[in-house]
């Protein structure tokens, strides 16, 4: 519900705060006293079009703040929660207009776009008496209203699920269709690439081995020279160095023995023998290496060609040479998918057909349900029209099947609320064929019927009592009071019957201040209400009879 409205520097209002109760609040006052300013200000706060001419003369900016109280089940609470703007059960909408043409919107003191403010505002408030296509006047909302009235949640959920399944399968089918159309060229390309990789026949670790062999052969001359030099040093010009060592060792052993140096002889002999053994092994090994280390240019050419072939495919596929075998595996997998795609295509095609049949069946069940309750809704609303001086009007809920390509998760129906205002007259959209007062009364009738199935809102009525009096005024008053039991009602009225039914009464008036005109709003006490309703009955000259009638009317206040 709307808790308060703060208006600053808007037209004739300098600074004003209004606190609202639940239920039924009325505004009265002389024509031109500023009642419409209140509605325009509320419209600003909920995101309606920014009109910069509303800024009070001489001021740089105007601002409106609307404070609402909501619970966690309210659609508005869920919407702001999704945007991270929650702040308990209080929700504050603010709009600031600057003289330089800048409009700013805030929710709970967070800067937001005007569109988001409007989306949220229309969940909270609906103003009747204006011809903007919002709320009940927006035909895109009519199917939602009918579904809530007909309690179609379960049937609508079945339609949602079946349509979602159909869309998912249709997307897969679309991808397979594209695959089928390019299948021949894709198969040819994959076969060509497979042939290249299979002919290459790259072994595991082969590329690294080839690199090592090539590098070794490229260093052949340096390696051979080094080995040959070592061999020549050991077994070249001094090839008899081991026999010389052995001969000299024997001479030395003889000399030491003659001089009784047995220990020294044994130690020396042992070392020399070890050296002679290792020396012979070294010479043998070097000789083998030298004999086996040959260079063959043909072998190097073969290695270079093999590396060229590997690197050529590596560049073609834009991958590292070591990953060519992984590419081979993936191509085989792709080939298998393509070769099986025709079979998959037929399977998915059948599934799409079955999914559409399921969607169509659930949509037709929902459509029949809607049509049944559409007739009921028409009857209930039409019953309300005559007492509201709309006896020649006829309300109709049109439920027609949409074109196949426009059918969606809401089913096959297009729902519109239409009305003809005169007998035999053509029917049309409500806001196009009804005047301001007729429109407000139509909205009142519709809201009365759907009140228990609609989201909790603050409903604002302007001109609802235009051109009516007597029993019609009483009918309007009673219906507004009944509606206020489920929705918060704000109404601008000139009728005493309506004003007296209000549970809260505000009076607007104009006064002069510092050579300028300002609008003020006063919440009336019971005694004040007697006088105000009496003045609405008899005019400027309030009679005793008018006061008595005023008191009698106020006894009906709930």
Protein backbone atom coordinates (compact mmCIF):
# COMPACT_ATOMS: atom_id res chain seq x y z
CA UNK A 1 0.00 0.00 0.00
CA UNK A 2 0.97 3.64 -0.48
CA UNK A 3 2.02 4.98 2.95
CA UNK A 4 2.98 8.53 2.09
CA UNK A 5 3.51 10.97 -0.75
CA UNK A 6 5.96 13.88 -0.44
CA UNK A 7 5.71 16.62 -3.08
CA UNK A 8 8.22 19.46 -3.36
CA UNK A 9 8.07 22.34 -5.86
CA UNK A 10 5.56 20.78 -8.25
CA UNK A 11 3.25 23.36 -9.93
CA UNK A 12 1.41 25.11 -7.06
CA UNK A 13 2.69 22.78 -4.35
CA UNK A 14 5.64 24.13 -2.40
CA UNK A 15 6.18 21.39 0.16
CA UNK A 16 3.59 18.79 1.07
CA UNK A 17 3.48 15.40 2.78
CA UNK A 18 0.39 13.18 2.71
CA UNK A 19 0.08 10.09 4.90
CA UNK A 20 -2.36 7.45 3.68
CA UNK A 21 -4.34 4.77 5.47
CA UNK A 22 -5.32 1.43 4.03
CA UNK A 23 -8.73 1.22 2.40
CA UNK A 24 -10.57 4.13 0.80
CA UNK A 25 -9.15 7.68 0.66
CA UNK A 26 -10.94 10.56 -1.07
CA UNK A 27 -9.84 13.97 -2.33
CA UNK A 28 -12.26 16.82 -2.72
CA UNK A 29 -11.96 20.55 -3.31
CA UNK A 30 -12.87 23.27 -5.76
CA UNK A 31 -12.05 22.83 -9.42
CA UNK A 32 -8.51 24.07 -10.04
CA UNK A 33 -7.53 23.72 -6.38
CA UNK A 34 -4.82 21.22 -7.22
CA UNK A 35 -6.34 17.73 -7.03
CA UNK A 36 -4.91 16.89 -10.44
CA UNK A 37 -1.47 17.96 -9.22
CA UNK A 38 -1.61 15.20 -6.60
CA UNK A 39 -2.31 12.62 -9.32
CA UNK A 40 0.37 14.03 -11.63
CA UNK A 41 2.86 13.93 -8.77
CA UNK A 42 2.03 10.32 -7.97
CA UNK A 43 2.38 9.52 -11.67
CA UNK A 44 5.87 11.05 -11.65
CA UNK A 45 6.87 8.99 -8.63
CA UNK A 46 5.87 5.74 -10.34
CA UNK A 47 7.77 6.50 -13.54
CA UNK A 48 5.27 8.17 -15.84
CA UNK A 49 6.53 10.56 -18.55
CA UNK A 50 8.61 13.43 -17.18
CA UNK A 51 6.86 16.77 -17.74
CA UNK A 52 9.34 19.50 -16.86
CA UNK A 53 6.63 22.18 -17.01
CA UNK A 54 5.44 20.75 -13.66
CA UNK A 55 8.43 22.31 -11.86
CA UNK A 56 7.22 25.19 -9.70
CA UNK A 57 7.92 28.64 -11.12
CA UNK A 58 11.18 30.10 -9.87
CA UNK A 59 12.55 26.76 -8.63
CA UNK A 60 15.50 24.85 -10.14
CA UNK A 61 14.02 21.42 -9.51
CA UNK A 62 10.95 19.55 -8.33
CA UNK A 63 10.78 16.21 -6.55
CA UNK A 64 8.20 13.58 -5.59
CA UNK A 65 8.73 10.70 -3.15
CA UNK A 66 6.27 7.84 -2.70
CA UNK A 67 6.71 5.39 0.17
CA UNK A 68 5.07 1.97 -0.02
CA UNK A 69 4.70 -0.91 2.39
CA UNK A 70 4.89 -4.36 0.82
CA UNK A 71 5.36 -7.94 1.99
CA UNK A 72 7.73 -10.59 0.69
CA UNK A 73 5.00 -12.22 -1.44
CA UNK A 74 4.34 -9.05 -3.42
CA UNK A 75 5.54 -8.99 -7.03
CA UNK A 76 7.29 -5.68 -6.38
CA UNK A 77 9.35 -7.23 -3.57
CA UNK A 78 10.47 -10.04 -5.87
CA UNK A 79 11.37 -7.58 -8.62
CA UNK A 80 13.55 -5.35 -6.43
CA UNK A 81 15.13 -8.40 -4.77
CA UNK A 82 16.32 -9.54 -8.19
CA UNK A 83 17.97 -6.12 -8.59
CA UNK A 84 19.53 -6.07 -5.13
CA UNK A 85 17.38 -3.14 -3.94
CA UNK A 86 15.60 -4.72 -0.97
CA UNK A 87 15.18 -2.78 2.24
CA UNK A 88 12.77 -4.61 4.52
CA UNK A 89 9.07 -4.04 3.88
CA UNK A 90 9.46 -0.35 3.02
CA UNK A 91 9.90 0.64 -0.59
CA UNK A 92 10.68 4.25 -1.52
CA UNK A 93 10.29 5.57 -5.08
CA UNK A 94 11.64 9.05 -5.85
CA UNK A 95 11.71 11.21 -8.96
CA UNK A 96 13.63 14.46 -9.37
CA UNK A 97 13.08 16.86 -12.29
CA UNK A 98 15.63 19.60 -12.99
CA UNK A 99 14.99 22.83 -14.86
CA UNK A 100 17.82 21.94 -17.25
CA UNK A 101 15.79 18.96 -18.53
CA UNK A 102 17.38 16.20 -16.46
CA UNK A 103 15.19 13.56 -14.84
CA UNK A 104 16.54 11.21 -12.17
CA UNK A 105 14.84 8.14 -10.69
CA UNK A 106 15.64 6.46 -7.38
CA UNK A 107 14.48 3.30 -5.62
CA UNK A 108 15.46 3.01 -1.96
CA UNK A 109 17.97 5.83 -2.64
CA UNK A 110 19.59 3.84 -5.47
CA UNK A 111 19.78 5.54 -8.86
CA UNK A 112 17.80 3.55 -11.46
CA UNK A 113 16.52 4.06 -14.99
CA UNK A 114 13.15 5.70 -15.57
CA UNK A 115 12.00 2.53 -17.36
CA UNK A 116 12.77 0.35 -14.37
CA UNK A 117 11.00 2.82 -12.07
CA UNK A 118 7.96 2.64 -14.36
CA UNK A 119 8.00 -1.17 -14.46
CA UNK A 120 8.02 -1.26 -10.67
CA UNK A 121 5.55 1.62 -10.32
CA UNK A 122 2.95 -0.09 -12.49
CA UNK A 123 3.08 -3.13 -10.22
CA UNK A 124 2.28 -0.88 -7.26
CA UNK A 125 -0.16 1.71 -8.64
CA UNK A 126 -2.74 1.93 -11.41
CA UNK A 127 -4.25 5.32 -12.24
CA UNK A 128 -7.64 5.24 -14.02
CA UNK A 129 -8.91 8.29 -15.79
CA UNK A 130 -5.93 8.72 -18.08
CA UNK A 131 -5.72 7.28 -21.57
CA UNK A 132 -2.21 5.85 -21.39
CA UNK A 133 -2.02 2.17 -22.36
CA UNK A 134 -0.96 0.92 -18.97
CA UNK A 135 -2.30 -1.63 -16.52
CA UNK A 136 -5.77 -2.84 -17.56
CA UNK A 137 -5.61 -0.72 -20.72
CA UNK A 138 -2.51 -2.53 -21.97
CA UNK A 139 -3.83 -5.46 -24.02
CA UNK A 140 -0.65 -7.45 -23.36
CA UNK A 141 -1.83 -7.73 -19.73
CA UNK A 142 -5.29 -9.08 -20.58
CA UNK A 143 -4.20 -12.69 -20.97
CA UNK A 144 -2.49 -12.54 -17.55
CA UNK A 145 -5.63 -11.07 -15.97
CA UNK A 146 -7.84 -13.77 -17.50
CA UNK A 147 -5.42 -16.51 -16.39
CA UNK A 148 -5.42 -15.24 -12.80
CA UNK A 149 -9.21 -14.92 -12.82
CA UNK A 150 -9.58 -18.45 -14.20
CA UNK A 151 -6.95 -19.92 -11.85
CA UNK A 152 -5.04 -21.34 -14.82
CA UNK A 153 -1.66 -21.76 -13.10
CA UNK A 154 -1.42 -25.55 -13.43
CA UNK A 155 -2.63 -25.64 -17.02
CA UNK A 156 -0.37 -22.73 -17.94
CA UNK A 157 2.59 -24.51 -16.34
CA UNK A 158 1.96 -27.55 -18.55
CA UNK A 159 1.92 -25.30 -21.60
CA UNK A 160 5.14 -23.58 -20.45
CA UNK A 161 6.91 -26.93 -20.00
CA UNK A 162 5.76 -28.39 -23.31
CA UNK A 163 6.70 -25.24 -25.22
CA UNK A 164 10.12 -25.12 -23.55
CA UNK A 165 10.71 -28.77 -24.52
CA UNK A 166 9.58 -28.06 -28.08
CA UNK A 167 11.92 -25.03 -28.36
CA UNK A 168 14.88 -27.03 -27.06
CA UNK A 169 14.30 -29.90 -29.51
CA UNK A 170 13.62 -27.48 -32.38
CA UNK A 171 16.97 -25.81 -31.75
CA UNK A 172 18.74 -29.20 -31.91
CA UNK A 173 16.85 -30.02 -35.11
CA UNK A 174 17.86 -26.68 -36.62
CA UNK A 175 21.51 -27.42 -35.90
CA UNK A 176 21.16 -30.89 -37.43
CA UNK A 177 19.45 -29.42 -40.48
CA UNK A 178 22.39 -27.09 -40.99
CA UNK A 179 24.69 -30.06 -40.49
CA UNK A 180 22.83 -32.10 -43.08
CA UNK A 181 22.95 -29.32 -45.66
CA UNK A 182 26.75 -29.11 -45.44
CA UNK A 183 27.30 -32.78 -44.70
CA UNK A 184 28.76 -33.84 -48.11
CA UNK A 185 31.45 -31.18 -48.16
CA UNK A 186 32.24 -31.76 -44.48
CA UNK A 187 32.62 -35.52 -45.00
CA UNK A 188 34.93 -34.95 -47.96
CA UNK A 189 37.06 -32.53 -45.98
CA UNK A 190 37.33 -34.87 -42.98
CA UNK A 191 38.25 -37.85 -45.21
CA UNK A 192 40.98 -35.79 -46.89
CA UNK A 193 42.42 -34.74 -43.54
CA UNK A 194 42.23 -38.28 -42.19
CA UNK A 195 44.11 -39.60 -45.22
CA UNK A 196 46.89 -37.07 -44.70
CA UNK A 197 47.28 -38.00 -41.02
CA UNK A 198 46.96 -41.73 -41.55
CA UNK A 199 49.50 -41.67 -44.38
CA UNK A 200 51.86 -39.74 -42.16
CA UNK A 201 51.61 -42.62 -39.65
CA UNK A 202 53.33 -40.65 -36.92
CA UNK A 203 54.61 -42.90 -34.12
CA UNK A 204 54.51 -41.98 -30.47
CA UNK A 205 57.64 -39.97 -29.61
CA UNK A 206 58.92 -40.16 -33.18
CA UNK A 207 59.13 -36.42 -33.70
CA UNK A 208 61.32 -35.89 -30.62
CA UNK A 209 63.62 -38.81 -31.66
CA UNK A 210 64.06 -37.39 -35.15
CA UNK A 211 65.00 -33.98 -33.74
CA UNK A 212 67.66 -35.62 -31.55
CA UNK A 213 69.11 -37.70 -34.44
CA UNK A 214 69.22 -34.71 -36.74
CA UNK A 215 70.99 -32.61 -34.13
CA UNK A 216 73.50 -35.40 -33.53
CA UNK A 217 74.24 -35.83 -37.22
CA UNK A 218 74.59 -32.09 -37.67
CA UNK A 219 77.47 -32.23 -35.11
CA UNK A 220 79.08 -35.29 -36.75
CA UNK A 221 82.33 -33.66 -37.86
CA UNK A 222 83.06 -32.09 -34.46
CA UNK A 223 82.27 -35.31 -32.59
CA UNK A 224 84.37 -37.51 -34.93
CA UNK A 225 87.37 -35.15 -34.67
CA UNK A 226 87.27 -35.21 -30.87
CA UNK A 227 87.06 -39.03 -30.74
CA UNK A 228 89.84 -39.43 -33.28
CA UNK A 229 92.14 -37.08 -31.35
CA UNK A 230 91.61 -39.07 -28.15
CA UNK A 231 92.31 -42.32 -30.01
CA UNK A 232 95.49 -40.96 -31.57
CA UNK A 233 96.74 -39.74 -28.22
CA UNK A 234 96.31 -43.17 -26.73
CA UNK A 235 96.96 -45.48 -29.62
CA UNK A 236 98.42 -43.27 -32.34
CA UNK A 237 102.11 -42.33 -32.50
CA UNK A 238 102.50 -43.59 -28.96
CA UNK A 239 100.68 -46.81 -29.55
CA UNK A 240 103.33 -48.73 -27.53
CA UNK A 241 102.91 -46.59 -24.41
CA UNK A 242 101.23 -49.42 -22.47
CA UNK A 243 104.00 -51.93 -23.31
CA UNK A 244 106.61 -49.30 -22.38
CA UNK A 245 104.86 -48.78 -19.06
CA UNK A 246 104.71 -52.53 -18.51
CA UNK A 247 108.44 -52.97 -19.41
CA UNK A 248 109.56 -50.08 -17.19
CA UNK A 249 107.34 -51.34 -14.40
CA UNK A 250 109.14 -54.72 -14.50
CA UNK A 251 112.55 -53.01 -14.34
CA UNK A 252 111.46 -50.91 -11.41
CA UNK A 253 110.10 -53.97 -9.62
CA UNK A 254 113.44 -55.72 -10.03
CA UNK A 255 115.38 -52.75 -8.61
CA UNK A 256 113.04 -52.43 -5.61
CA UNK A 257 113.23 -56.16 -4.93
CA UNK A 258 117.00 -56.08 -4.86
CA UNK A 259 116.81 -53.31 -2.28
CA UNK A 260 114.33 -55.25 -0.11
CA UNK A 261 111.47 -52.72 -0.66
CA UNK A 262 108.82 -55.39 -1.00
CA UNK A 263 105.83 -53.32 0.26
CA UNK A 264 106.53 -50.44 -2.07
CA UNK A 265 106.92 -52.89 -4.99
CA UNK A 266 103.56 -54.56 -4.32
CA UNK A 267 101.69 -51.27 -4.01
CA UNK A 268 103.26 -49.86 -7.16
CA UNK A 269 102.70 -53.06 -9.10
CA UNK A 270 99.02 -53.15 -8.10
CA UNK A 271 98.42 -49.57 -9.27
CA UNK A 272 100.24 -50.12 -12.57
CA UNK A 273 98.31 -53.33 -13.29
CA UNK A 274 94.99 -51.50 -12.71
CA UNK A 275 96.06 -48.69 -15.00
CA UNK A 276 97.14 -51.17 -17.70
CA UNK A 277 93.78 -53.00 -17.54
CA UNK A 278 91.70 -49.78 -17.69
CA UNK A 279 93.96 -48.39 -20.43
CA UNK A 280 93.36 -51.45 -22.61
CA UNK A 281 89.58 -51.13 -22.04
CA UNK A 282 89.63 -47.43 -22.96
CA UNK A 283 91.57 -48.11 -26.16
CA UNK A 284 89.15 -50.90 -27.08
CA UNK A 285 86.05 -48.80 -26.47
CA UNK A 286 87.36 -45.77 -28.29
CA UNK A 287 88.30 -48.00 -31.20
CA UNK A 288 84.77 -49.42 -31.35
CA UNK A 289 83.19 -45.95 -31.17
CA UNK A 290 85.55 -44.65 -33.83
CA UNK A 291 84.79 -47.57 -36.15
CA UNK A 292 80.99 -47.32 -35.64
CA UNK A 293 80.64 -43.52 -35.83
CA UNK A 294 80.09 -43.01 -39.51
CA UNK A 295 78.17 -40.24 -41.34
CA UNK A 296 75.57 -41.05 -44.02
CA UNK A 297 74.14 -38.02 -45.88
CA UNK A 298 71.23 -40.11 -47.18
CA UNK A 299 70.13 -40.87 -43.63
CA UNK A 300 70.21 -37.15 -42.76
CA UNK A 301 68.20 -36.32 -45.88
CA UNK A 302 65.60 -38.91 -44.92
CA UNK A 303 65.34 -37.43 -41.42
CA UNK A 304 64.98 -33.89 -42.80
CA UNK A 305 62.24 -35.00 -45.22
CA UNK A 306 60.34 -36.78 -42.45
CA UNK A 307 60.52 -33.70 -40.24
CA UNK A 308 59.37 -31.54 -43.16
CA UNK A 309 56.29 -33.74 -43.69
CA UNK A 310 55.41 -33.64 -39.99
CA UNK A 311 55.87 -29.86 -39.72
CA UNK A 312 53.88 -29.30 -42.91
CA UNK A 313 50.80 -30.98 -41.41
CA UNK A 314 51.42 -29.23 -38.12
CA UNK A 315 51.17 -25.85 -39.88
CA UNK A 316 48.11 -26.97 -41.87
CA UNK A 317 46.18 -27.88 -38.72
CA UNK A 318 47.72 -25.06 -36.66
CA UNK A 319 48.75 -27.38 -33.83
CA UNK A 320 52.00 -28.59 -32.33
CA UNK A 321 53.58 -31.62 -34.11
CA UNK A 322 53.24 -33.70 -30.95
CA UNK A 323 49.42 -33.18 -31.07
CA UNK A 324 48.84 -34.48 -34.60
CA UNK A 325 47.71 -37.88 -33.30
CA UNK A 326 45.13 -36.18 -31.04
CA UNK A 327 43.81 -34.43 -34.15
CA UNK A 328 43.54 -37.81 -35.85
CA UNK A 329 41.42 -39.14 -32.97
CA UNK A 330 39.11 -36.10 -33.03
CA UNK A 331 38.62 -36.35 -36.79
CA UNK A 332 37.57 -39.98 -36.44
CA UNK A 333 35.06 -38.95 -33.76
CA UNK A 334 33.68 -36.16 -35.99
CA UNK A 335 33.40 -38.60 -38.87
CA UNK A 336 31.39 -40.99 -36.71
CA UNK A 337 29.02 -38.18 -35.63
CA UNK A 338 28.52 -37.06 -39.22
CA UNK A 339 27.93 -40.58 -40.49
CA UNK A 340 25.30 -41.09 -37.76
CA UNK A 341 23.75 -37.63 -38.13
CA UNK A 342 21.06 -38.70 -40.60
CA UNK A 343 19.79 -41.26 -38.12
CA UNK A 344 19.89 -38.67 -35.31
CA UNK A 345 18.15 -36.13 -37.54
CA UNK A 346 15.17 -38.43 -38.12
CA UNK A 347 14.95 -39.26 -34.41
CA UNK A 348 14.99 -35.58 -33.39
CA UNK A 349 12.55 -34.70 -36.16
CA UNK A 350 10.08 -37.22 -34.72
CA UNK A 351 10.66 -35.88 -31.21
CA UNK A 352 9.99 -32.31 -32.40
CA UNK A 353 6.74 -33.45 -33.98
CA UNK A 354 5.65 -35.21 -30.77
CA UNK A 355 6.69 -32.19 -28.65
CA UNK A 356 4.61 -29.86 -30.83
CA UNK A 357 1.60 -32.19 -30.57
CA UNK A 358 1.99 -32.23 -26.79
CA UNK A 359 2.23 -28.43 -26.72
CA UNK A 360 -0.79 -28.11 -29.00
CA UNK A 361 -2.83 -30.48 -26.86
CA UNK A 362 -2.01 -28.72 -23.57
CA UNK A 363 -2.60 -25.32 -25.22
CA UNK A 364 -6.04 -26.35 -26.46
CA UNK A 365 -6.99 -27.55 -22.97
CA UNK A 366 -5.86 -24.18 -21.60
CA UNK A 367 -7.68 -22.34 -24.40
CA UNK A 368 -10.99 -24.09 -23.64
CA UNK A 369 -10.50 -23.29 -19.96
CA UNK A 370 -9.88 -19.62 -20.80
CA UNK A 371 -12.93 -19.38 -23.06
CA UNK A 372 -15.16 -20.84 -20.37
CA UNK A 373 -13.99 -18.28 -17.80
CA UNK A 374 -13.94 -15.48 -20.39
CA UNK A 375 -17.71 -15.95 -20.75
CA UNK A 376 -18.05 -15.88 -16.97
CA UNK A 377 -15.88 -12.74 -16.71
CA UNK A 378 -17.92 -11.00 -19.42
CA UNK A 379 -21.19 -11.78 -17.61
CA UNK A 380 -19.96 -10.56 -14.22
CA UNK A 381 -18.55 -7.30 -15.60
CA UNK A 382 -21.60 -6.59 -17.77
CA UNK A 383 -23.79 -7.02 -14.69
CA UNK A 384 -21.86 -4.17 -13.07
CA UNK A 385 -22.25 -1.73 -15.97
CA UNK A 386 -25.90 -0.73 -15.73
CA UNK A 387 -25.72 0.49 -12.10
CA UNK A 388 -22.73 2.63 -13.14
CA UNK A 389 -24.76 4.42 -15.85
CA UNK A 390 -23.21 2.30 -18.57
CA UNK A 391 -26.41 0.41 -19.37
CA UNK A 392 -25.83 0.51 -23.12
CA UNK A 393 -22.23 -0.66 -22.90
CA UNK A 394 -21.23 -4.23 -23.52
CA UNK A 395 -17.96 -5.72 -22.34
CA UNK A 396 -16.38 -8.62 -24.21
CA UNK A 397 -13.35 -10.85 -23.68
CA UNK A 398 -12.03 -11.82 -27.09
CA UNK A 399 -10.09 -15.10 -27.17
CA UNK A 400 -8.79 -15.94 -30.63
CA UNK A 401 -6.09 -18.31 -31.83
CA UNK A 402 -2.81 -16.69 -32.79
CA UNK A 403 -0.91 -17.48 -35.94
CA UNK A 404 1.31 -20.52 -35.49
CA UNK A 405 4.57 -18.58 -35.64
CA UNK A 406 3.36 -16.27 -32.84
CA UNK A 407 2.25 -19.02 -30.45
CA UNK A 408 4.48 -19.16 -27.38
CA UNK A 409 4.85 -20.28 -23.78
CA UNK A 410 1.49 -18.62 -22.95
CA UNK A 411 -0.34 -20.85 -25.39
CA UNK A 412 -2.19 -20.39 -28.67
CA UNK A 413 -4.54 -17.59 -27.53
CA UNK A 414 -4.58 -13.89 -28.07
CA UNK A 415 -6.77 -12.24 -25.39
CA UNK A 416 -8.21 -8.73 -25.60
CA UNK A 417 -10.74 -6.80 -23.53
CA UNK A 418 -13.14 -4.97 -25.88
CA UNK A 419 -16.18 -2.81 -25.30
CA UNK A 420 -18.97 -1.16 -27.27
CA UNK A 421 -20.44 1.88 -25.52
CA UNK A 422 -23.77 1.99 -27.37
CA UNK A 423 -26.31 -0.58 -28.52
CA UNK A 424 -25.36 -1.80 -31.94
CA UNK A 425 -22.13 0.19 -31.78
CA UNK A 426 -18.82 -1.20 -32.95
CA UNK A 427 -16.56 -2.70 -30.34
CA UNK A 428 -13.01 -1.56 -29.76
CA UNK A 429 -10.24 -1.26 -27.22
CA UNK A 430 -11.50 0.28 -23.99
CA UNK A 431 -9.36 3.42 -24.01
CA UNK A 432 -10.26 4.16 -27.65
CA UNK A 433 -14.06 4.06 -27.44
CA UNK A 434 -14.79 5.52 -23.98
CA UNK A 435 -14.61 9.02 -22.52
CA UNK A 436 -12.78 9.87 -19.31
CA UNK A 437 -15.72 9.27 -16.98
CA UNK A 438 -16.87 6.17 -18.85
CA UNK A 439 -13.34 4.82 -18.79
CA UNK A 440 -13.03 5.22 -15.03
CA UNK A 441 -16.37 3.52 -14.41
CA UNK A 442 -15.44 0.69 -16.75
CA UNK A 443 -12.19 0.25 -14.86
CA UNK A 444 -14.12 0.26 -11.60
CA UNK A 445 -16.44 -2.49 -12.87
CA UNK A 446 -13.53 -4.61 -14.13
CA UNK A 447 -11.53 -4.14 -10.94
CA UNK A 448 -14.51 -5.12 -8.81
CA UNK A 449 -14.83 -8.45 -10.59
CA UNK A 450 -11.13 -9.34 -10.71
CA UNK A 451 -10.20 -7.84 -7.32
CA UNK A 452 -9.63 -11.17 -5.59
CA UNK A 453 -7.46 -12.53 -8.39
CA UNK A 454 -5.26 -9.51 -9.06
CA UNK A 455 -2.04 -8.40 -7.40
CA UNK A 456 -2.44 -5.98 -4.52
CA UNK A 457 -2.28 -2.43 -5.91
CA UNK A 458 -3.13 1.13 -5.10
CA UNK A 459 -5.97 2.00 -7.48
CA UNK A 460 -6.46 5.68 -8.30
CA UNK A 461 -9.72 6.87 -9.89
CA UNK A 462 -10.23 10.26 -11.50
CA UNK A 463 -13.43 11.40 -13.20
CA UNK A 464 -15.20 8.21 -12.08
CA UNK A 465 -18.18 10.33 -11.01
CA UNK A 466 -18.15 12.59 -14.07
CA UNK A 467 -21.66 13.31 -15.31
CA UNK A 468 -23.50 11.15 -12.77
CA UNK A 469 -25.62 11.78 -9.68
CA UNK A 470 -28.25 10.24 -7.48
CA UNK A 471 -28.53 6.46 -7.52
CA UNK A 472 -25.54 6.11 -9.85
CA UNK A 473 -23.37 8.08 -7.44
CA UNK A 474 -24.53 5.81 -4.63
CA UNK A 475 -23.73 2.72 -6.73
CA UNK A 476 -20.24 4.05 -7.44
CA UNK A 477 -19.67 4.82 -3.76
CA UNK A 478 -20.75 1.36 -2.62
CA UNK A 479 -18.58 -0.36 -5.21
CA UNK A 480 -15.54 1.72 -4.36
CA UNK A 481 -15.98 0.89 -0.70
CA UNK A 482 -16.31 -2.83 -1.48
CA UNK A 483 -13.24 -2.71 -3.69
CA UNK A 484 -11.25 -0.99 -0.93
CA UNK A 485 -11.57 -4.15 1.17
CA UNK A 486 -9.06 -5.87 -1.13
CA UNK A 487 -7.23 -2.91 -2.75
CA UNK A 488 -6.15 0.51 -1.54
CA UNK A 489 -8.33 3.13 -3.26
CA UNK A 490 -7.55 6.82 -3.90
CA UNK A 491 -10.25 8.86 -5.62
CA UNK A 492 -10.77 12.44 -6.71
CA UNK A 493 -14.50 13.17 -6.37
CA UNK A 494 -17.15 15.88 -6.57
CA UNK A 495 -19.96 13.65 -5.32
CA UNK A 496 -21.03 13.79 -1.65
CA UNK A 497 -22.15 10.14 -1.74
CA UNK A 498 -18.64 9.05 -2.77
CA UNK A 499 -16.83 11.44 -0.43
CA UNK A 500 -18.91 10.26 2.52
CA UNK A 501 -18.01 6.62 1.92
CA UNK A 502 -14.29 7.36 2.19
CA UNK A 503 -12.46 6.20 5.28
CA UNK A 504 -9.95 9.04 4.92
CA UNK A 505 -10.78 12.45 3.45
CA UNK A 506 -8.39 15.09 2.09
CA UNK A 507 -9.40 18.55 0.92
CA UNK A 508 -7.32 20.58 -1.52
CA UNK A 509 -7.39 24.37 -1.52
CA UNK A 510 -5.48 27.33 -2.92
CA UNK A 511 -4.10 30.30 -1.02
CA UNK A 512 -1.73 33.21 -1.55
CA UNK A 513 1.74 33.28 -0.09
CA UNK A 514 4.43 35.88 -0.77
CA UNK A 515 2.60 37.12 -3.89
CA UNK A 516 2.29 33.58 -5.28
CA UNK A 517 -0.41 30.92 -5.26
CA UNK A 518 0.12 27.68 -3.41
CA UNK A 519 -1.94 24.51 -3.12
CA UNK A 520 -2.50 23.03 0.30
CA UNK A 521 -4.02 19.72 1.35
CA UNK A 522 -5.68 19.10 4.69
CA UNK A 523 -6.80 15.78 6.14
CA UNK A 524 -10.29 16.38 7.50
CA UNK A 525 -11.60 15.45 10.92
CA UNK A 526 -15.11 14.06 11.29
CA UNK A 527 -16.51 17.53 12.01
CA UNK A 528 -14.64 18.97 9.03
CA UNK A 529 -16.03 16.20 6.84
CA UNK A 530 -19.60 17.09 7.84
CA UNK A 531 -19.01 20.63 6.56
CA UNK A 532 -17.18 19.52 3.41
CA UNK A 533 -19.81 16.94 2.39
CA UNK A 534 -22.55 19.46 3.20
CA UNK A 535 -20.87 22.02 0.92
CA UNK A 536 -20.70 19.39 -1.84
CA UNK A 537 -24.48 18.95 -1.40
CA UNK A 538 -25.63 22.56 -1.23
CA UNK A 539 -22.73 24.63 -2.58
CA UNK A 540 -21.23 27.71 -0.96
CA UNK A 541 -24.27 28.39 1.20
CA UNK A 542 -24.36 25.41 3.57
CA UNK A 543 -27.85 24.78 4.91
CA UNK A 544 -28.90 22.90 8.03
CA UNK A 545 -30.64 20.37 5.80
CA UNK A 546 -27.36 19.81 3.95
CA UNK A 547 -25.54 19.23 7.25
CA UNK A 548 -28.18 16.71 8.37
CA UNK A 549 -27.93 14.87 5.07
CA UNK A 550 -24.13 15.02 5.33
CA UNK A 551 -24.22 13.38 8.77
CA UNK A 552 -26.60 10.74 7.47
CA UNK A 553 -24.26 9.93 4.57
CA UNK A 554 -21.21 9.76 6.83
CA UNK A 555 -22.84 7.09 8.97
CA UNK A 556 -22.15 4.69 6.07
CA UNK A 557 -18.38 5.18 6.47
CA UNK A 558 -16.78 1.81 7.18
